[in-house]
Amino acid sequence: MYLNKEVKETIFKKHGKSEKDTGTPEGQVALFSHRINHLSGHLKNNRKDYNTERSLVKLVGKRRHVLDYLKAKDIERYRAIIKELGIRK
């Protein structure tokens, strides 16, 4: 599986406060980005997989919602995570 416990812990350790802290917006955005990248690669090979396409669109919306929240709360943290993950608006 592409997203197991160890992968999640490394994502949250790198982008969050700790490997157990899953609630920070930066950690959530990083996890969503990892999942989005995986689903995008899957859709390049399986372009008629409409369920995965729908899931991808929902994930992008969730990530955008968390990023909007972070932008409203702390613009510096928002800019840092955008730059670090290479996300564009």
N, C-alpha and C. Protein backbone atom coordinates (compact mmCIF):
# COMPACT_ATOMS: atom_id res chain seq x y z
N MET A 1 0.84 -1.19 0.00
CA MET A 1 0.00 0.00 0.00
C MET A 1 0.88 1.25 0.00
N TYR A 2 0.46 2.25 -0.68
CA TYR A 2 1.29 3.45 -0.84
C TYR A 2 1.29 4.34 0.39
N LEU A 3 0.29 4.23 1.26
CA LEU A 3 0.18 5.12 2.41
C LEU A 3 0.03 4.29 3.67
N ASN A 4 1.13 3.83 4.21
CA ASN A 4 1.09 3.05 5.44
C ASN A 4 1.47 3.92 6.63
N LYS A 5 1.55 3.32 7.80
CA LYS A 5 1.79 4.05 9.03
C LYS A 5 3.13 4.78 9.01
N GLU A 6 4.16 4.13 8.48
CA GLU A 6 5.50 4.74 8.47
C GLU A 6 5.55 5.96 7.56
N VAL A 7 4.87 5.88 6.42
CA VAL A 7 4.85 7.01 5.49
C VAL A 7 4.14 8.21 6.12
N LYS A 8 3.02 7.93 6.78
CA LYS A 8 2.29 9.02 7.45
C LYS A 8 3.13 9.66 8.55
N GLU A 9 3.82 8.83 9.32
CA GLU A 9 4.64 9.36 10.40
C GLU A 9 5.76 10.25 9.86
N THR A 10 6.38 9.85 8.75
CA THR A 10 7.45 10.68 8.19
C THR A 10 6.89 11.99 7.64
N ILE A 11 5.70 11.94 7.04
CA ILE A 11 5.09 13.18 6.53
C ILE A 11 4.79 14.13 7.67
N PHE A 12 4.18 13.61 8.75
CA PHE A 12 3.83 14.48 9.87
C PHE A 12 5.06 14.93 10.64
N LYS A 13 6.10 14.11 10.67
CA LYS A 13 7.33 14.51 11.34
C LYS A 13 8.02 15.64 10.59
N LYS A 14 7.98 15.57 9.27
CA LYS A 14 8.64 16.58 8.46
C LYS A 14 7.86 17.90 8.41
N HIS A 15 6.54 17.81 8.30
CA HIS A 15 5.74 19.01 8.09
C HIS A 15 4.94 19.45 9.31
N GLY A 16 4.73 18.56 10.27
CA GLY A 16 3.98 18.91 11.46
C GLY A 16 4.90 19.17 12.63
N LYS A 17 4.32 19.18 13.81
CA LYS A 17 5.13 19.39 15.02
C LYS A 17 5.83 18.11 15.43
N SER A 18 5.12 16.98 15.32
CA SER A 18 5.71 15.69 15.65
C SER A 18 5.03 14.63 14.79
N GLU A 19 5.50 13.39 14.92
CA GLU A 19 4.93 12.33 14.09
C GLU A 19 3.54 11.91 14.56
N LYS A 20 3.17 12.25 15.77
CA LYS A 20 1.85 11.91 16.30
C LYS A 20 0.86 13.06 16.16
N ASP A 21 1.33 14.25 15.83
CA ASP A 21 0.47 15.42 15.73
C ASP A 21 -0.10 15.50 14.32
N THR A 22 -1.31 14.98 14.14
CA THR A 22 -1.92 14.93 12.81
C THR A 22 -2.87 16.09 12.57
N GLY A 23 -3.00 16.99 13.52
CA GLY A 23 -3.99 18.05 13.40
C GLY A 23 -3.48 19.35 12.84
N THR A 24 -2.18 19.52 12.69
CA THR A 24 -1.69 20.79 12.18
C THR A 24 -2.07 20.94 10.71
N PRO A 25 -2.42 22.14 10.29
CA PRO A 25 -2.79 22.34 8.88
C PRO A 25 -1.66 21.98 7.92
N GLU A 26 -0.41 22.24 8.33
CA GLU A 26 0.71 21.91 7.45
C GLU A 26 0.81 20.41 7.22
N GLY A 27 0.62 19.64 8.28
CA GLY A 27 0.66 18.19 8.16
C GLY A 27 -0.48 17.66 7.31
N GLN A 28 -1.66 18.22 7.48
CA GLN A 28 -2.81 17.80 6.69
C GLN A 28 -2.61 18.12 5.22
N VAL A 29 -2.10 19.30 4.93
CA VAL A 29 -1.86 19.69 3.53
C VAL A 29 -0.81 18.79 2.91
N ALA A 30 0.23 18.47 3.66
CA ALA A 30 1.28 17.58 3.14
C ALA A 30 0.73 16.19 2.86
N LEU A 31 -0.11 15.68 3.74
CA LEU A 31 -0.72 14.36 3.53
C LEU A 31 -1.64 14.38 2.32
N PHE A 32 -2.47 15.42 2.22
CA PHE A 32 -3.35 15.54 1.05
C PHE A 32 -2.54 15.63 -0.23
N SER A 33 -1.43 16.36 -0.20
CA SER A 33 -0.59 16.50 -1.39
C SER A 33 0.02 15.17 -1.79
N HIS A 34 0.45 14.39 -0.82
CA HIS A 34 1.00 13.06 -1.11
C HIS A 34 -0.06 12.18 -1.77
N ARG A 35 -1.26 12.21 -1.23
CA ARG A 35 -2.35 11.41 -1.80
C ARG A 35 -2.73 11.91 -3.19
N ILE A 36 -2.76 13.22 -3.38
CA ILE A 36 -3.10 13.80 -4.68
C ILE A 36 -2.07 13.39 -5.73
N ASN A 37 -0.80 13.44 -5.38
CA ASN A 37 0.25 13.04 -6.32
C ASN A 37 0.11 11.57 -6.71
N HIS A 38 -0.21 10.73 -5.73
CA HIS A 38 -0.40 9.30 -6.02
C HIS A 38 -1.59 9.08 -6.95
N LEU A 39 -2.71 9.73 -6.67
CA LEU A 39 -3.90 9.55 -7.50
C LEU A 39 -3.70 10.13 -8.90
N SER A 40 -2.95 11.20 -9.01
CA SER A 40 -2.67 11.78 -10.32
C SER A 40 -1.86 10.81 -11.18
N GLY A 41 -0.88 10.17 -10.57
CA GLY A 41 -0.10 9.17 -11.29
C GLY A 41 -0.95 7.99 -11.71
N HIS A 42 -1.88 7.59 -10.86
CA HIS A 42 -2.78 6.49 -11.19
C HIS A 42 -3.68 6.86 -12.37
N LEU A 43 -4.15 8.11 -12.38
CA LEU A 43 -5.05 8.53 -13.45
C LEU A 43 -4.33 8.71 -14.78
N LYS A 44 -3.02 8.91 -14.76
CA LYS A 44 -2.28 8.99 -16.02
C LYS A 44 -2.29 7.64 -16.73
N ASN A 45 -2.27 6.56 -15.95
CA ASN A 45 -2.29 5.22 -16.53
C ASN A 45 -3.71 4.70 -16.76
N ASN A 46 -4.66 5.13 -15.93
CA ASN A 46 -6.04 4.64 -16.00
C ASN A 46 -6.99 5.82 -16.17
N ARG A 47 -7.04 6.35 -17.35
CA ARG A 47 -7.77 7.60 -17.55
C ARG A 47 -9.28 7.46 -17.48
N LYS A 48 -9.81 6.26 -17.54
CA LYS A 48 -11.25 6.07 -17.46
C LYS A 48 -11.73 5.67 -16.06
N ASP A 49 -10.87 5.78 -15.10
CA ASP A 49 -11.23 5.46 -13.72
C ASP A 49 -11.91 6.69 -13.10
N TYR A 50 -13.21 6.77 -13.25
CA TYR A 50 -13.95 7.96 -12.86
C TYR A 50 -14.12 8.06 -11.34
N ASN A 51 -14.13 6.94 -10.65
CA ASN A 51 -14.22 7.00 -9.18
C ASN A 51 -12.97 7.63 -8.58
N THR A 52 -11.82 7.27 -9.11
CA THR A 52 -10.58 7.87 -8.64
C THR A 52 -10.53 9.35 -9.01
N GLU A 53 -11.03 9.69 -10.17
CA GLU A 53 -11.06 11.09 -10.58
C GLU A 53 -11.92 11.92 -9.64
N ARG A 54 -13.05 11.37 -9.24
CA ARG A 54 -13.93 12.06 -8.30
C ARG A 54 -13.25 12.21 -6.94
N SER A 55 -12.57 11.17 -6.50
CA SER A 55 -11.84 11.24 -5.23
C SER A 55 -10.74 12.29 -5.29
N LEU A 56 -10.07 12.38 -6.43
CA LEU A 56 -9.01 13.37 -6.60
C LEU A 56 -9.57 14.79 -6.50
N VAL A 57 -10.70 15.03 -7.13
CA VAL A 57 -11.31 16.35 -7.09
C VAL A 57 -11.73 16.70 -5.65
N LYS A 58 -12.25 15.73 -4.92
CA LYS A 58 -12.64 15.98 -3.53
C LYS A 58 -11.42 16.28 -2.67
N LEU A 59 -10.31 15.55 -2.89
CA LEU A 59 -9.09 15.79 -2.13
C LEU A 59 -8.51 17.18 -2.40
N VAL A 60 -8.56 17.59 -3.65
CA VAL A 60 -8.06 18.92 -4.00
C VAL A 60 -8.91 19.98 -3.30
N GLY A 61 -10.21 19.77 -3.22
CA GLY A 61 -11.09 20.70 -2.51
C GLY A 61 -10.80 20.75 -1.03
N LYS A 62 -10.56 19.59 -0.42
CA LYS A 62 -10.21 19.55 1.00
C LYS A 62 -8.91 20.29 1.26
N ARG A 63 -7.92 20.04 0.40
CA ARG A 63 -6.63 20.71 0.58
C ARG A 63 -6.79 22.22 0.42
N ARG A 64 -7.59 22.65 -0.54
CA ARG A 64 -7.81 24.08 -0.74
C ARG A 64 -8.50 24.69 0.47
N HIS A 65 -9.45 23.97 1.07
CA HIS A 65 -10.14 24.48 2.25
C HIS A 65 -9.17 24.67 3.42
N VAL A 66 -8.30 23.70 3.65
CA VAL A 66 -7.32 23.81 4.74
C VAL A 66 -6.32 24.93 4.45
N LEU A 67 -5.93 25.07 3.18
CA LEU A 67 -5.01 26.16 2.83
C LEU A 67 -5.66 27.52 3.01
N ASP A 68 -6.94 27.64 2.67
CA ASP A 68 -7.65 28.91 2.89
C ASP A 68 -7.73 29.24 4.38
N TYR A 69 -7.97 28.23 5.20
CA TYR A 69 -7.99 28.43 6.64
C TYR A 69 -6.63 28.92 7.13
N LEU A 70 -5.58 28.27 6.67
CA LEU A 70 -4.24 28.64 7.10
C LEU A 70 -3.88 30.05 6.62
N LYS A 71 -4.32 30.40 5.43
CA LYS A 71 -4.05 31.73 4.90
C LYS A 71 -4.73 32.80 5.74
N ALA A 72 -5.93 32.52 6.20
CA ALA A 72 -6.66 33.48 7.03
C ALA A 72 -6.05 33.60 8.43
N LYS A 73 -5.52 32.48 8.96
CA LYS A 73 -4.97 32.49 10.32
C LYS A 73 -3.55 33.03 10.37
N ASP A 74 -2.68 32.53 9.50
CA ASP A 74 -1.25 32.90 9.57
C ASP A 74 -0.67 32.85 8.16
N ILE A 75 -0.51 34.01 7.55
CA ILE A 75 -0.07 34.09 6.16
C ILE A 75 1.37 33.59 5.98
N GLU A 76 2.20 33.74 6.99
CA GLU A 76 3.59 33.29 6.86
C GLU A 76 3.69 31.76 6.81
N ARG A 77 2.93 31.09 7.65
CA ARG A 77 2.90 29.62 7.61
C ARG A 77 2.33 29.14 6.28
N TYR A 78 1.33 29.85 5.77
CA TYR A 78 0.72 29.51 4.47
C TYR A 78 1.77 29.62 3.36
N ARG A 79 2.49 30.72 3.34
CA ARG A 79 3.52 30.92 2.31
C ARG A 79 4.63 29.88 2.40
N ALA A 80 4.98 29.51 3.63
CA ALA A 80 6.05 28.53 3.83
C ALA A 80 5.63 27.15 3.30
N ILE A 81 4.41 26.73 3.59
CA ILE A 81 3.99 25.40 3.15
C ILE A 81 3.76 25.36 1.65
N ILE A 82 3.28 26.45 1.08
CA ILE A 82 3.10 26.53 -0.37
C ILE A 82 4.45 26.41 -1.08
N LYS A 83 5.44 27.12 -0.56
CA LYS A 83 6.77 27.10 -1.15
C LYS A 83 7.43 25.74 -0.98
N GLU A 84 7.27 25.14 0.19
CA GLU A 84 7.91 23.87 0.48
C GLU A 84 7.35 22.72 -0.36
N LEU A 85 6.02 22.72 -0.55
CA LEU A 85 5.39 21.63 -1.31
C LEU A 85 5.28 21.92 -2.81
N GLY A 86 5.51 23.17 -3.18
CA GLY A 86 5.43 23.52 -4.60
C GLY A 86 4.02 23.56 -5.13
N ILE A 87 3.09 24.00 -4.29
CA ILE A 87 1.69 24.09 -4.70
C ILE A 87 1.45 25.46 -5.29
N ARG A 88 0.65 25.51 -6.33
CA ARG A 88 0.29 26.81 -6.90
C ARG A 88 -1.21 27.00 -6.79
N LYS A 89 -1.64 28.23 -6.73
CA LYS A 89 -3.07 28.53 -6.55
C LYS A 89 -3.81 28.28 -7.83
